């Protein structure tokens, strides 16, 4: 029935900060950016390794939402990486605080978490 995930959408509290974070710090590429005058809202389509993956939105006066891993709703975004230590080091050089590396007791794979500018938890999972 389903073929895969088409994209994920994030409503940002500060659009410019989130745009900078996902493009300059995490390495996403911009596909297109549209300002929708009727909504006073930006929509930014982003790709990772050439694959459309994320939409960033700005909405005036969007309500805050709890965003910690055990809150109901979307728990976190997770990305695979080839080398967790290299990726963590790169993020730390960008000024991004990253949790300590842990090992999944079921798979034996290493993983860690960091947060985007709106405290959305992002997981890194080593291949």
Protein backbone atom coordinates (compact mmCIF):
# COMPACT_ATOMS: atom_id res chain seq x y z
CA UNK A 1 0.00 0.00 0.00
CA UNK A 2 2.69 2.55 1.00
CA UNK A 3 5.93 2.94 -0.93
CA UNK A 4 7.92 4.99 1.55
CA UNK A 5 8.08 8.32 3.34
CA UNK A 6 7.68 11.26 0.97
CA UNK A 7 8.83 14.03 3.33
CA UNK A 8 8.75 15.36 6.88
CA UNK A 9 7.46 18.85 7.70
CA UNK A 10 8.68 21.08 10.51
CA UNK A 11 7.11 24.36 11.65
CA UNK A 12 9.94 26.56 12.88
CA UNK A 13 9.81 29.16 15.64
CA UNK A 14 12.56 31.12 13.87
CA UNK A 15 12.60 30.30 10.16
CA UNK A 16 15.96 31.95 9.40
CA UNK A 17 17.72 30.13 12.25
CA UNK A 18 16.25 26.76 11.24
CA UNK A 19 17.06 27.33 7.56
CA UNK A 20 20.68 28.07 8.47
CA UNK A 21 20.83 25.04 10.78
CA UNK A 22 19.53 22.49 8.27
CA UNK A 23 21.46 23.88 5.27
CA UNK A 24 24.75 25.18 6.66
CA UNK A 25 25.21 22.92 9.68
CA UNK A 26 23.53 19.65 8.63
CA UNK A 27 24.25 19.84 4.89
CA UNK A 28 20.75 19.75 3.38
CA UNK A 29 20.37 21.41 -0.02
CA UNK A 30 17.63 23.83 -1.00
CA UNK A 31 15.22 22.65 -3.68
CA UNK A 32 12.88 25.63 -3.61
CA UNK A 33 11.75 28.36 -1.28
CA UNK A 34 8.31 29.96 -1.60
CA UNK A 35 6.78 32.86 0.30
CA UNK A 36 3.02 32.50 0.52
CA UNK A 37 1.72 36.04 0.99
CA UNK A 38 -1.82 34.95 1.88
CA UNK A 39 -0.46 32.97 4.84
CA UNK A 40 2.51 35.22 5.66
CA UNK A 41 4.46 31.97 5.55
CA UNK A 42 7.62 30.58 4.01
CA UNK A 43 7.86 27.00 2.77
CA UNK A 44 11.34 25.61 2.11
CA UNK A 45 11.84 22.24 0.42
CA UNK A 46 15.12 20.54 1.33
CA UNK A 47 16.97 17.50 0.01
CA UNK A 48 19.53 15.19 1.55
CA UNK A 49 21.91 13.46 -0.87
CA UNK A 50 19.64 14.49 -3.76
CA UNK A 51 16.47 13.08 -2.17
CA UNK A 52 13.60 15.40 -1.26
CA UNK A 53 13.14 14.91 2.47
CA UNK A 54 12.20 17.96 4.55
CA UNK A 55 9.87 20.93 4.44
CA UNK A 56 10.48 23.88 6.76
CA UNK A 57 7.59 26.25 7.40
CA UNK A 58 7.20 29.60 9.09
CA UNK A 59 3.79 30.57 10.43
CA UNK A 60 3.11 33.75 12.38
CA UNK A 61 2.10 33.04 15.99
CA UNK A 62 2.37 29.24 15.72
CA UNK A 63 1.70 27.69 19.15
CA UNK A 64 4.55 26.04 21.01
CA UNK A 65 4.54 22.26 21.37
CA UNK A 66 6.31 20.08 23.93
CA UNK A 67 9.31 18.57 22.18
CA UNK A 68 11.12 16.12 24.35
CA UNK A 69 11.55 12.46 23.44
CA UNK A 70 8.83 11.07 25.70
CA UNK A 71 6.07 13.56 24.72
CA UNK A 72 3.15 12.19 22.73
CA UNK A 73 3.37 12.68 18.97
CA UNK A 74 6.43 12.55 16.74
CA UNK A 75 9.26 11.28 18.93
CA UNK A 76 12.28 12.22 16.80
CA UNK A 77 13.86 12.29 13.35
CA UNK A 78 16.56 9.68 12.75
CA UNK A 79 19.34 9.73 10.15
CA UNK A 80 21.80 6.99 9.32
CA UNK A 81 25.50 7.80 9.19
CA UNK A 82 28.52 5.77 8.17
CA UNK A 83 30.80 7.00 10.95
CA UNK A 84 29.13 8.23 14.12
CA UNK A 85 32.27 9.66 15.73
CA UNK A 86 33.14 11.71 12.61
CA UNK A 87 29.57 13.02 12.38
CA UNK A 88 29.46 13.95 16.07
CA UNK A 89 32.81 15.73 15.76
CA UNK A 90 31.55 17.68 12.72
CA UNK A 91 28.37 18.74 14.56
CA UNK A 92 30.32 19.79 17.65
CA UNK A 93 32.59 21.95 15.46
CA UNK A 94 29.37 23.63 14.23
CA UNK A 95 28.54 24.47 17.86
CA UNK A 96 25.87 21.77 18.15
CA UNK A 97 25.65 19.99 21.49
CA UNK A 98 25.45 16.21 21.06
CA UNK A 99 24.60 13.62 23.71
CA UNK A 100 27.03 10.82 24.52
CA UNK A 101 27.20 7.88 22.13
CA UNK A 102 25.21 4.84 23.25
CA UNK A 103 24.85 1.29 21.92
CA UNK A 104 21.45 -0.17 21.06
CA UNK A 105 21.22 -3.32 23.22
CA UNK A 106 19.09 -5.10 20.61
CA UNK A 107 20.98 -4.33 17.39
CA UNK A 108 24.44 -3.60 18.81
CA UNK A 109 24.55 -0.41 16.69
CA UNK A 110 25.78 2.92 18.04
CA UNK A 111 23.53 6.00 18.18
CA UNK A 112 23.18 9.44 19.75
CA UNK A 113 20.88 12.46 19.80
CA UNK A 114 21.08 16.22 19.30
CA UNK A 115 18.42 18.91 18.88
CA UNK A 116 17.43 21.35 16.16
CA UNK A 117 16.84 25.05 17.00
CA UNK A 118 13.29 24.21 18.22
CA UNK A 119 14.53 21.35 20.42
CA UNK A 120 13.24 18.70 18.01
CA UNK A 121 15.23 15.57 18.91
CA UNK A 122 17.34 14.24 16.03
CA UNK A 123 18.92 10.81 16.24
CA UNK A 124 22.05 9.66 14.46
CA UNK A 125 22.22 5.90 13.93
CA UNK A 126 25.41 4.30 12.64
CA UNK A 127 25.11 1.85 9.72
